[in-house]
């Protein structure tokens, strides 16, 4: 009876909504596949009255779920951007504003200019930003921004309806 209760508890853990959500987010993960196989075997053993085997298989299934790799978390939109020197194609406010993680629209350069005018080396010339200048990227649609833009990190695209 004790083993039967243990199996029921372990089976409930393996089949919780969190485990199901975890498995749906990691389709194709070999640990999910293995956990499902073990669960099927555990249910079969339980139906045959082999509670010790069922409990062990349920434990193994739970352990497999613990090995599932979490989906990568996408970074928040960046709150600042360091102007880069790109040979033959230098950064400018309209180009920076057009980046999908900034505003996705070059015509929104004015937001960058207004937010950074006091710190630009040549504020009288909105077309001139110099490599190394750090620009603040202000929120314009209530979006959350955090941190400095880092090359190689995947960022979401700006959506004005956030």
Protein backbone atom coordinates (compact mmCIF):
# COMPACT_ATOMS: atom_id res chain seq x y z
CA UNK A 1 0.00 0.00 0.00
CA UNK A 2 2.86 2.36 0.87
CA UNK A 3 4.51 1.74 -2.52
CA UNK A 4 1.19 2.31 -4.29
CA UNK A 5 0.84 5.68 -2.55
CA UNK A 6 4.44 6.56 -3.42
CA UNK A 7 3.78 5.74 -7.07
CA UNK A 8 0.66 7.88 -7.13
CA UNK A 9 2.58 10.83 -5.69
CA UNK A 10 5.45 10.41 -8.16
CA UNK A 11 3.07 9.95 -11.09
CA UNK A 12 1.24 13.11 -10.07
CA UNK A 13 4.53 15.01 -9.99
CA UNK A 14 5.55 13.72 -13.41
CA UNK A 15 2.19 14.65 -14.85
CA UNK A 16 1.79 18.11 -13.31
CA UNK A 17 0.81 21.01 -15.55
CA UNK A 18 4.32 22.42 -15.09
CA UNK A 19 5.86 19.24 -16.45
CA UNK A 20 3.42 19.26 -19.36
CA UNK A 21 4.23 22.93 -20.08
CA UNK A 22 7.92 22.13 -19.85
CA UNK A 23 7.52 19.31 -22.33
CA UNK A 24 5.50 21.38 -24.78
CA UNK A 25 8.20 24.05 -24.81
CA UNK A 26 10.92 21.53 -25.57
CA UNK A 27 9.44 19.43 -28.35
CA UNK A 28 12.06 17.15 -29.80
CA UNK A 29 14.07 17.09 -26.57
CA UNK A 30 15.31 13.51 -26.02
CA UNK A 31 14.69 13.79 -22.27
CA UNK A 32 11.01 14.56 -22.90
CA UNK A 33 10.77 11.58 -25.24
CA UNK A 34 12.42 9.33 -22.66
CA UNK A 35 10.21 10.66 -19.83
CA UNK A 36 7.08 9.89 -21.89
CA UNK A 37 8.33 6.35 -22.57
CA UNK A 38 9.07 5.81 -18.88
CA UNK A 39 5.65 7.17 -17.93
CA UNK A 40 3.96 4.74 -20.33
CA UNK A 41 5.96 1.87 -18.85
CA UNK A 42 5.14 3.04 -15.31
CA UNK A 43 1.41 3.12 -16.05
CA UNK A 44 1.61 -0.38 -17.56
CA UNK A 45 3.48 -1.71 -14.51
CA UNK A 46 0.96 -0.03 -12.22
CA UNK A 47 -1.96 -1.58 -14.13
CA UNK A 48 -0.33 -5.00 -13.65
CA UNK A 49 -0.01 -4.38 -9.91
CA UNK A 50 3.79 -4.15 -10.00
CA UNK A 51 3.90 -1.04 -7.83
CA UNK A 52 7.61 -1.17 -7.02
CA UNK A 53 8.55 -1.15 -10.71
CA UNK A 54 5.93 1.51 -11.45
CA UNK A 55 7.33 3.74 -8.70
CA UNK A 56 10.90 3.30 -9.97
CA UNK A 57 9.87 4.10 -13.55
CA UNK A 58 7.99 7.19 -12.35
CA UNK A 59 11.13 8.33 -10.47
CA UNK A 60 13.19 7.86 -13.63
CA UNK A 61 10.65 9.81 -15.68
CA UNK A 62 10.80 12.67 -13.18
CA UNK A 63 14.60 12.63 -13.35
CA UNK A 64 14.46 12.85 -17.16
CA UNK A 65 12.19 15.90 -16.95
CA UNK A 66 14.77 17.52 -14.69
CA UNK A 67 17.32 17.22 -17.50
CA UNK A 68 15.24 19.17 -20.03
CA UNK A 69 17.09 22.25 -21.19
CA UNK A 70 15.19 25.44 -20.59
CA UNK A 71 14.39 27.47 -23.68
CA UNK A 72 16.73 30.42 -24.08
CA UNK A 73 15.32 33.62 -22.70
CA UNK A 74 15.35 36.50 -25.09
CA UNK A 75 16.97 39.66 -23.78
CA UNK A 76 14.95 42.80 -23.07
CA UNK A 77 15.17 45.65 -25.54
CA UNK A 78 18.43 47.52 -24.93
CA UNK A 79 18.36 50.87 -23.12
CA UNK A 80 21.63 52.12 -24.61
CA UNK A 81 23.72 51.70 -27.74
CA UNK A 82 27.38 52.50 -28.37
CA UNK A 83 27.93 54.02 -31.81
CA UNK A 84 30.17 51.75 -33.86
CA UNK A 85 32.68 52.40 -36.60
CA UNK A 86 31.51 50.22 -39.45
CA UNK A 87 33.79 50.47 -42.45
CA UNK A 88 31.87 51.87 -45.42
CA UNK A 89 28.55 51.94 -43.57
CA UNK A 90 28.85 53.98 -40.38
CA UNK A 91 26.19 54.29 -37.73
CA UNK A 92 24.00 57.39 -37.76
CA UNK A 93 20.86 58.22 -35.78
CA UNK A 94 18.44 57.17 -38.54
CA UNK A 95 20.28 53.88 -39.11
CA UNK A 96 20.36 53.16 -35.36
CA UNK A 97 16.66 54.04 -34.99
CA UNK A 98 15.88 51.62 -37.84
CA UNK A 99 17.42 48.64 -36.04
CA UNK A 100 14.53 46.33 -35.06
CA UNK A 101 15.62 46.29 -31.40
CA UNK A 102 15.63 50.12 -31.28
CA UNK A 103 12.49 51.40 -33.08
CA UNK A 104 12.46 49.53 -36.39
CA UNK A 105 11.94 52.87 -38.15
CA UNK A 106 14.66 55.26 -39.29
CA UNK A 107 12.25 58.19 -39.10
CA UNK A 108 12.21 57.80 -35.31
CA UNK A 109 15.79 59.14 -35.11
CA UNK A 110 14.44 62.32 -33.51
CA UNK A 111 13.72 60.43 -30.25
CA UNK A 112 17.37 59.40 -30.07
CA UNK A 113 18.51 62.93 -30.89
CA UNK A 114 16.33 64.60 -28.24
CA UNK A 115 17.34 62.08 -25.57
CA UNK A 116 21.06 62.43 -26.30
CA UNK A 117 21.49 66.02 -27.53
CA UNK A 118 23.12 67.15 -24.27
CA UNK A 119 25.80 64.44 -24.43
CA UNK A 120 26.62 64.40 -28.17
CA UNK A 121 30.05 65.76 -29.12
CA UNK A 122 28.48 67.72 -32.01
CA UNK A 123 24.86 68.41 -30.93
CA UNK A 124 24.47 71.10 -33.60
CA UNK A 125 24.72 68.39 -36.29
CA UNK A 126 22.07 65.70 -35.83
CA UNK A 127 23.61 63.73 -38.70
CA UNK A 128 26.94 63.31 -36.91
CA UNK A 129 27.40 60.76 -34.16
CA UNK A 130 30.86 59.50 -33.43
CA UNK A 131 32.07 55.96 -32.75
CA UNK A 132 32.22 55.36 -29.02
CA UNK A 133 29.39 57.73 -28.14
CA UNK A 134 26.88 55.95 -25.92
CA UNK A 135 23.29 56.75 -26.83
CA UNK A 136 20.36 56.38 -24.46
CA UNK A 137 17.43 54.67 -26.19
CA UNK A 138 14.33 56.18 -24.62
CA UNK A 139 11.10 54.25 -24.30
CA UNK A 140 8.56 55.76 -26.71
CA UNK A 141 5.66 53.32 -26.41
CA UNK A 142 5.85 52.13 -22.80
CA UNK A 143 8.27 49.33 -23.73
CA UNK A 144 10.69 48.02 -21.14
CA UNK A 145 14.35 48.61 -21.90
CA UNK A 146 17.35 47.48 -19.92
CA UNK A 147 21.11 47.32 -20.38
CA UNK A 148 23.53 48.08 -23.18
CA UNK A 149 23.17 46.62 -26.67
CA UNK A 150 25.57 43.69 -27.02
CA UNK A 151 26.49 42.24 -30.40
CA UNK A 152 25.49 38.58 -30.71
CA UNK A 153 22.59 38.68 -28.24
CA UNK A 154 19.14 38.00 -29.67
CA UNK A 155 16.75 40.87 -28.99
CA UNK A 156 13.05 41.09 -29.63
CA UNK A 157 11.83 43.56 -32.22
CA UNK A 158 10.35 46.84 -31.01
CA UNK A 159 6.57 46.93 -31.23
CA UNK A 160 4.88 50.27 -30.84
CA UNK A 161 1.73 48.68 -29.41
CA UNK A 162 3.40 47.26 -26.28
